[in-house]
Amino acid sequence: MLDSKACEIANFLVDTGYGAVYLPRDAYGDIKILIDKPFAFFSHKHAAYLAGMGSFGHNNVLLTPQYGQRVRFTSIFTTAVIMPDPIETKDLCTHCLLCLKNCPVGAMPETGNFPPPVDKKLCATRSAKLRDEYRSPCGICIKVCPVGKDRELFGRKNMSIYSRDKKFEKSHRAWEHVRQYGCKG
């Protein structure tokens, strides 16, 4: 749907006299391509950062004040003049490291530059495995992120369910199940 809407917006811009073309959200076609070449030719998240939409989190995914990491991007190149928001200089990441602690493949280092380099090959390999098993994509690092006003909106402010140190009630067992079988962020 994201690509479809981007196409509609690009067509609208063209119809109103501007040059415009959209870039699909995933131009690589299949997740397995990212195992051998874990870099896309264009980064929608870096474009969103430069457009002033957010800052980077510990897992190198863009954080927005409204929805944390629970957003998806596509891009439209256009000749229309659109003023960007200022680049987000405030670090939205709380540095809680829940993304790192809950990553089932250990793709993020705990120390080093921020945001640290994420092992994209490990992420892509896990995503491909889950897809081949007809399971939902991983997205655990996105799901556990406490940033975003949507947490309050949807009644998900209590982050203790994601703690690996606490074993409690059926909720924690459900989360452990999700971690094992993948989840959608």
C-alpha atoms as a PDB file:
ATOM      1  CA  MET A   1       0.000   0.000   0.000  1.00  0.00           C
ATOM      2  CA  LEU A   2       2.913   2.334   0.747  1.00  0.00           C
ATOM      3  CA  ASP A   3       4.244   2.017  -2.792  1.00  0.00           C
ATOM      4  CA  SER A   4       0.746   2.469  -4.223  1.00  0.00           C
ATOM      5  CA  LYS A   5       0.205   5.721  -2.314  1.00  0.00           C
ATOM      6  CA  ALA A   6       3.651   7.004  -3.290  1.00  0.00           C
ATOM      7  CA  CYS A   7       2.781   6.317  -6.926  1.00  0.00           C
ATOM      8  CA  GLU A   8      -0.517   8.207  -6.522  1.00  0.00           C
ATOM      9  CA  ILE A   9       1.268  11.207  -4.977  1.00  0.00           C
ATOM     10  CA  ALA A  10       3.917  11.207  -7.704  1.00  0.00           C
ATOM     11  CA  ASN A  11       1.177  11.070 -10.353  1.00  0.00           C
ATOM     12  CA  PHE A  12      -0.642  13.940  -8.639  1.00  0.00           C
ATOM     13  CA  LEU A  13       2.548  16.009  -8.700  1.00  0.00           C
ATOM     14  CA  VAL A  14       3.055  15.227 -12.391  1.00  0.00           C
ATOM     15  CA  ASP A  15      -0.585  16.124 -13.135  1.00  0.00           C
ATOM     16  CA  THR A  16      -0.077  19.499 -11.445  1.00  0.00           C
ATOM     17  CA  GLY A  17       2.965  20.287 -13.567  1.00  0.00           C
ATOM     18  CA  TYR A  18       5.922  19.008 -11.526  1.00  0.00           C
ATOM     19  CA  GLY A  19       8.372  16.294 -12.397  1.00  0.00           C
ATOM     20  CA  ALA A  20       8.049  13.386  -9.961  1.00  0.00           C
ATOM     21  CA  VAL A  21       8.976   9.737  -9.601  1.00  0.00           C
ATOM     22  CA  TYR A  22       8.653   7.490  -6.566  1.00  0.00           C
ATOM     23  CA  LEU A  23      11.152   4.915  -5.340  1.00  0.00           C
ATOM     24  CA  PRO A  24       9.608   1.675  -4.053  1.00  0.00           C
ATOM     25  CA  ARG A  25      10.160   1.015  -0.356  1.00  0.00           C
ATOM     26  CA  ASP A  26      12.104  -2.199  -1.073  1.00  0.00           C
ATOM     27  CA  ALA A  27      13.766  -1.971  -4.452  1.00  0.00           C
ATOM     28  CA  TYR A  28      15.850  -5.112  -3.962  1.00  0.00           C
ATOM     29  CA  GLY A  29      12.958  -7.505  -4.727  1.00  0.00           C
ATOM     30  CA  ASP A  30      13.800 -10.325  -2.321  1.00  0.00           C
ATOM     31  CA  ILE A  31      15.230 -10.313   1.197  1.00  0.00           C
ATOM     32  CA  LYS A  32      17.843 -12.938   0.235  1.00  0.00           C
ATOM     33  CA  ILE A  33      19.560 -10.382  -1.995  1.00  0.00           C
ATOM     34  CA  LEU A  34      20.450  -8.430   1.164  1.00  0.00           C
ATOM     35  CA  ILE A  35      22.342 -11.420   2.568  1.00  0.00           C
ATOM     36  CA  ASP A  36      25.046 -11.137  -0.075  1.00  0.00           C
ATOM     37  CA  LYS A  37      24.774  -7.366  -0.616  1.00  0.00           C
ATOM     38  CA  PRO A  38      23.332  -5.837   2.572  1.00  0.00           C
ATOM     39  CA  PHE A  39      23.123  -2.310   1.214  1.00  0.00           C
ATOM     40  CA  ALA A  40      20.286  -0.815  -0.809  1.00  0.00           C
ATOM     41  CA  PHE A  41      21.013   1.715  -3.535  1.00  0.00           C
ATOM     42  CA  PHE A  42      18.954   4.368  -1.693  1.00  0.00           C
ATOM     43  CA  SER A  43      18.186   4.837   2.002  1.00  0.00           C
ATOM     44  CA  HIS A  44      14.636   6.014   2.708  1.00  0.00           C
ATOM     45  CA  LYS A  45      15.476   6.349   6.407  1.00  0.00           C
ATOM     46  CA  HIS A  46      18.401   8.691   5.683  1.00  0.00           C
ATOM     47  CA  ALA A  47      16.169  10.712   3.352  1.00  0.00           C
ATOM     48  CA  ALA A  48      13.580  10.910   6.150  1.00  0.00           C
ATOM     49  CA  TYR A  49      16.311  12.041   8.566  1.00  0.00           C
ATOM     50  CA  LEU A  50      17.438  14.782   6.158  1.00  0.00           C
ATOM     51  CA  ALA A  51      13.787  15.823   5.753  1.00  0.00           C
ATOM     52  CA  GLY A  52      13.656  16.453   9.516  1.00  0.00           C
ATOM     53  CA  MET A  53      11.388  13.528  10.374  1.00  0.00           C
ATOM     54  CA  GLY A  54      13.424  12.049  13.240  1.00  0.00           C
ATOM     55  CA  SER A  55      16.746  10.835  14.610  1.00  0.00           C
ATOM     56  CA  PHE A  56      18.489   7.474  14.635  1.00  0.00           C
ATOM     57  CA  GLY A  57      18.101   4.869  17.366  1.00  0.00           C
ATOM     58  CA  HIS A  58      20.661   2.415  18.699  1.00  0.00           C
ATOM     59  CA  ASN A  59      19.605  -0.146  16.072  1.00  0.00           C
ATOM     60  CA  ASN A  60      20.186   2.442  13.321  1.00  0.00           C
ATOM     61  CA  VAL A  61      16.475   2.746  12.491  1.00  0.00           C
ATOM     62  CA  LEU A  62      14.852   6.166  12.323  1.00  0.00           C
ATOM     63  CA  LEU A  63      12.936   7.242  15.434  1.00  0.00           C
ATOM     64  CA  THR A  64      10.054   9.701  15.151  1.00  0.00           C
ATOM     65  CA  PRO A  65       8.499  11.538  18.099  1.00  0.00           C
ATOM     66  CA  GLN A  66       5.025  10.347  17.145  1.00  0.00           C
ATOM     67  CA  TYR A  67       5.575   6.666  16.337  1.00  0.00           C
ATOM     68  CA  GLY A  68       9.083   5.808  17.473  1.00  0.00           C
ATOM     69  CA  GLN A  69      10.494   3.268  15.028  1.00  0.00           C
ATOM     70  CA  ARG A  70       7.089   1.945  14.049  1.00  0.00           C
ATOM     71  CA  VAL A  71       7.036   3.755  10.698  1.00  0.00           C
ATOM     72  CA  ARG A  72       7.833   2.789   7.125  1.00  0.00           C
ATOM     73  CA  PHE A  73       9.131   5.081   4.413  1.00  0.00           C
ATOM     74  CA  THR A  74       9.148   5.453   0.692  1.00  0.00           C
ATOM     75  CA  SER A  75      10.529   8.394  -1.241  1.00  0.00           C
ATOM     76  CA  ILE A  76       9.406  10.651  -4.053  1.00  0.00           C
ATOM     77  CA  PHE A  77      11.844  12.668  -6.124  1.00  0.00           C
ATOM     78  CA  THR A  78      10.189  15.808  -7.417  1.00  0.00           C
ATOM     79  CA  THR A  79      10.875  19.222  -8.902  1.00  0.00           C
ATOM     80  CA  ALA A  80       8.232  20.689  -6.543  1.00  0.00           C
ATOM     81  CA  VAL A  81       9.720  22.894  -3.860  1.00  0.00           C
ATOM     82  CA  ILE A  82       8.830  21.361  -0.504  1.00  0.00           C
ATOM     83  CA  MET A  83      10.341  22.895   2.590  1.00  0.00           C
ATOM     84  CA  PRO A  84      11.766  20.254   4.949  1.00  0.00           C
ATOM     85  CA  ASP A  85      11.481  20.404   8.694  1.00  0.00           C
ATOM     86  CA  PRO A  86      14.766  21.203  10.428  1.00  0.00           C
ATOM     87  CA  ILE A  87      16.993  18.155  10.887  1.00  0.00           C
ATOM     88  CA  GLU A  88      16.216  16.548  14.248  1.00  0.00           C
ATOM     89  CA  THR A  89      19.183  17.443  16.428  1.00  0.00           C
ATOM     90  CA  LYS A  90      17.595  16.123  19.616  1.00  0.00           C
ATOM     91  CA  ASP A  91      18.533  12.497  20.216  1.00  0.00           C
ATOM     92  CA  LEU A  92      15.197  10.696  20.522  1.00  0.00           C
ATOM     93  CA  CYS A  93      16.877   7.416  21.497  1.00  0.00           C
ATOM     94  CA  THR A  94      16.603   6.762  25.242  1.00  0.00           C
ATOM     95  CA  HIS A  95      19.643   4.429  25.100  1.00  0.00           C
ATOM     96  CA  CYS A  96      17.699   1.815  27.072  1.00  0.00           C
ATOM     97  CA  LEU A  97      19.312  -0.875  24.871  1.00  0.00           C
ATOM     98  CA  LEU A  98      16.110  -2.937  24.750  1.00  0.00           C
ATOM     99  CA  CYS A  99      16.709  -3.343  21.008  1.00  0.00           C
ATOM    100  CA  LEU A 100      20.174  -4.762  21.644  1.00  0.00           C
ATOM    101  CA  LYS A 101      19.091  -6.961  24.566  1.00  0.00           C
ATOM    102  CA  ASN A 102      16.150  -8.459  22.667  1.00  0.00           C
ATOM    103  CA  CYS A 103      17.814  -8.976  19.284  1.00  0.00           C
ATOM    104  CA  PRO A 104      17.592 -12.718  18.668  1.00  0.00           C
ATOM    105  CA  VAL A 105      20.696 -12.747  16.454  1.00  0.00           C
ATOM    106  CA  GLY A 106      22.898 -10.272  18.347  1.00  0.00           C
ATOM    107  CA  ALA A 107      23.203  -7.905  15.385  1.00  0.00           C
ATOM    108  CA  MET A 108      24.111  -4.796  17.411  1.00  0.00           C
ATOM    109  CA  PRO A 109      27.293  -4.063  19.343  1.00  0.00           C
ATOM    110  CA  GLU A 110      26.800  -2.500  22.758  1.00  0.00           C
ATOM    111  CA  THR A 111      29.712  -0.096  22.475  1.00  0.00           C
ATOM    112  CA  GLY A 112      31.259   2.041  19.779  1.00  0.00           C
ATOM    113  CA  ASN A 113      29.970   4.881  17.663  1.00  0.00           C
ATOM    114  CA  PHE A 114      26.329   5.854  17.912  1.00  0.00           C
ATOM    115  CA  PRO A 115      24.408   4.576  16.183  1.00  0.00           C
ATOM    116  CA  PRO A 116      26.598   1.490  16.025  1.00  0.00           C
ATOM    117  CA  PRO A 117      26.974  -0.480  12.808  1.00  0.00           C
ATOM    118  CA  VAL A 118      24.240  -3.116  12.723  1.00  0.00           C
ATOM    119  CA  ASP A 119      25.148  -6.464  11.183  1.00  0.00           C
ATOM    120  CA  LYS A 120      22.691  -6.261   8.282  1.00  0.00           C
ATOM    121  CA  LYS A 121      23.639  -9.727   7.071  1.00  0.00           C
ATOM    122  CA  LEU A 122      22.496 -11.275  10.365  1.00  0.00           C
ATOM    123  CA  CYS A 123      19.203  -9.357  10.178  1.00  0.00           C
ATOM    124  CA  ALA A 124      18.611 -10.291   6.535  1.00  0.00           C
ATOM    125  CA  THR A 125      19.444 -13.959   7.188  1.00  0.00           C
ATOM    126  CA  ARG A 126      16.927 -14.113  10.052  1.00  0.00           C
ATOM    127  CA  SER A 127      14.268 -12.313   8.011  1.00  0.00           C
ATOM    128  CA  ALA A 128      14.781 -14.676   5.073  1.00  0.00           C
ATOM    129  CA  LYS A 129      14.542 -17.709   7.373  1.00  0.00           C
ATOM    130  CA  LEU A 130      11.318 -16.436   8.929  1.00  0.00           C
ATOM    131  CA  ARG A 131       9.866 -15.684   5.503  1.00  0.00           C
ATOM    132  CA  ASP A 132      10.802 -19.124   4.188  1.00  0.00           C
ATOM    133  CA  GLU A 133       8.965 -20.626   7.158  1.00  0.00           C
ATOM    134  CA  TYR A 134       5.903 -18.450   6.411  1.00  0.00           C
ATOM    135  CA  ARG A 135       6.358 -16.514   9.653  1.00  0.00           C
ATOM    136  CA  SER A 136       6.065 -12.804  10.266  1.00  0.00           C
ATOM    137  CA  PRO A 137       9.186 -10.650   9.859  1.00  0.00           C
ATOM    138  CA  CYS A 138      11.319 -10.196  12.954  1.00  0.00           C
ATOM    139  CA  GLY A 139      11.066  -6.487  13.832  1.00  0.00           C
ATOM    140  CA  ILE A 140      11.717  -7.197  17.513  1.00  0.00           C
ATOM    141  CA  CYS A 141      14.083  -4.218  17.867  1.00  0.00           C
ATOM    142  CA  ILE A 142      11.256  -2.003  16.597  1.00  0.00           C
ATOM    143  CA  LYS A 143       8.601  -3.579  18.789  1.00  0.00           C
ATOM    144  CA  VAL A 144      10.545  -3.125  22.032  1.00  0.00           C
ATOM    145  CA  CYS A 145      11.476   0.529  21.451  1.00  0.00           C
ATOM    146  CA  PRO A 146       9.839   2.747  24.107  1.00  0.00           C
ATOM    147  CA  VAL A 147      10.029   5.913  21.969  1.00  0.00           C
ATOM    148  CA  GLY A 148       6.870   7.336  20.442  1.00  0.00           C
ATOM    149  CA  LYS A 149       3.578   8.854  21.509  1.00  0.00           C
ATOM    150  CA  ASP A 150       1.812   5.841  19.976  1.00  0.00           C
ATOM    151  CA  ARG A 151       2.816   3.788  23.036  1.00  0.00           C
ATOM    152  CA  GLU A 152       0.419   5.862  25.128  1.00  0.00           C
ATOM    153  CA  LEU A 153      -2.246   6.035  22.431  1.00  0.00           C
ATOM    154  CA  PHE A 154      -2.422   2.234  22.180  1.00  0.00           C
ATOM    155  CA  GLY A 155      -1.915   1.548  25.903  1.00  0.00           C
ATOM    156  CA  ARG A 156       1.569   0.077  25.485  1.00  0.00           C
ATOM    157  CA  LYS A 157       3.613   2.222  27.878  1.00  0.00           C
ATOM    158  CA  ASN A 158       4.493  -0.692  30.190  1.00  0.00           C
ATOM    159  CA  MET A 159       7.757  -1.961  28.734  1.00  0.00           C
ATOM    160  CA  SER A 160       8.418  -4.572  31.440  1.00  0.00           C
ATOM    161  CA  ILE A 161       7.011  -7.354  29.265  1.00  0.00           C
ATOM    162  CA  TYR A 162      10.125  -7.047  27.101  1.00  0.00           C
ATOM    163  CA  SER A 163      12.574  -7.511  29.964  1.00  0.00           C
ATOM    164  CA  ARG A 164      14.697 -10.626  29.709  1.00  0.00           C
ATOM    165  CA  ASP A 165      15.456 -10.427  33.424  1.00  0.00           C
ATOM    166  CA  LYS A 166      11.842 -10.645  34.570  1.00  0.00           C
ATOM    167  CA  LYS A 167       9.839 -13.799  34.260  1.00  0.00           C
ATOM    168  CA  PHE A 168       6.230 -13.070  35.045  1.00  0.00           C
ATOM    169  CA  GLU A 169       2.739 -14.172  34.174  1.00  0.00           C
ATOM    170  CA  LYS A 170       1.528 -15.352  30.820  1.00  0.00           C
ATOM    171  CA  SER A 171       2.447 -12.047  29.148  1.00  0.00           C
ATOM    172  CA  HIS A 172       6.155 -12.757  29.419  1.00  0.00           C
ATOM    173  CA  ARG A 173       5.691 -16.289  28.095  1.00  0.00           C
ATOM    174  CA  ALA A 174       3.816 -14.818  25.138  1.00  0.00           C
ATOM    175  CA  TRP A 175       6.669 -12.388  24.482  1.00  0.00           C
ATOM    176  CA  GLU A 176       9.230 -15.190  24.629  1.00  0.00           C
ATOM    177  CA  HIS A 177       7.097 -17.049  22.070  1.00  0.00           C
ATOM    178  CA  VAL A 178       7.061 -13.984  19.813  1.00  0.00           C
ATOM    179  CA  ARG A 179      10.845 -13.627  20.118  1.00  0.00           C
ATOM    180  CA  GLN A 180      11.284 -17.248  19.073  1.00  0.00           C
ATOM    181  CA  TYR A 181       8.957 -17.182  16.101  1.00  0.00           C
ATOM    182  CA  GLY A 182       9.238 -13.618  14.867  1.00  0.00           C
ATOM    183  CA  CYS A 183       6.868 -10.737  15.065  1.00  0.00           C
ATOM    184  CA  LYS A 184       5.856  -7.690  13.123  1.00  0.00           C
ATOM    185  CA  GLY A 185       7.145  -4.404  14.526  1.00  0.00           C
END
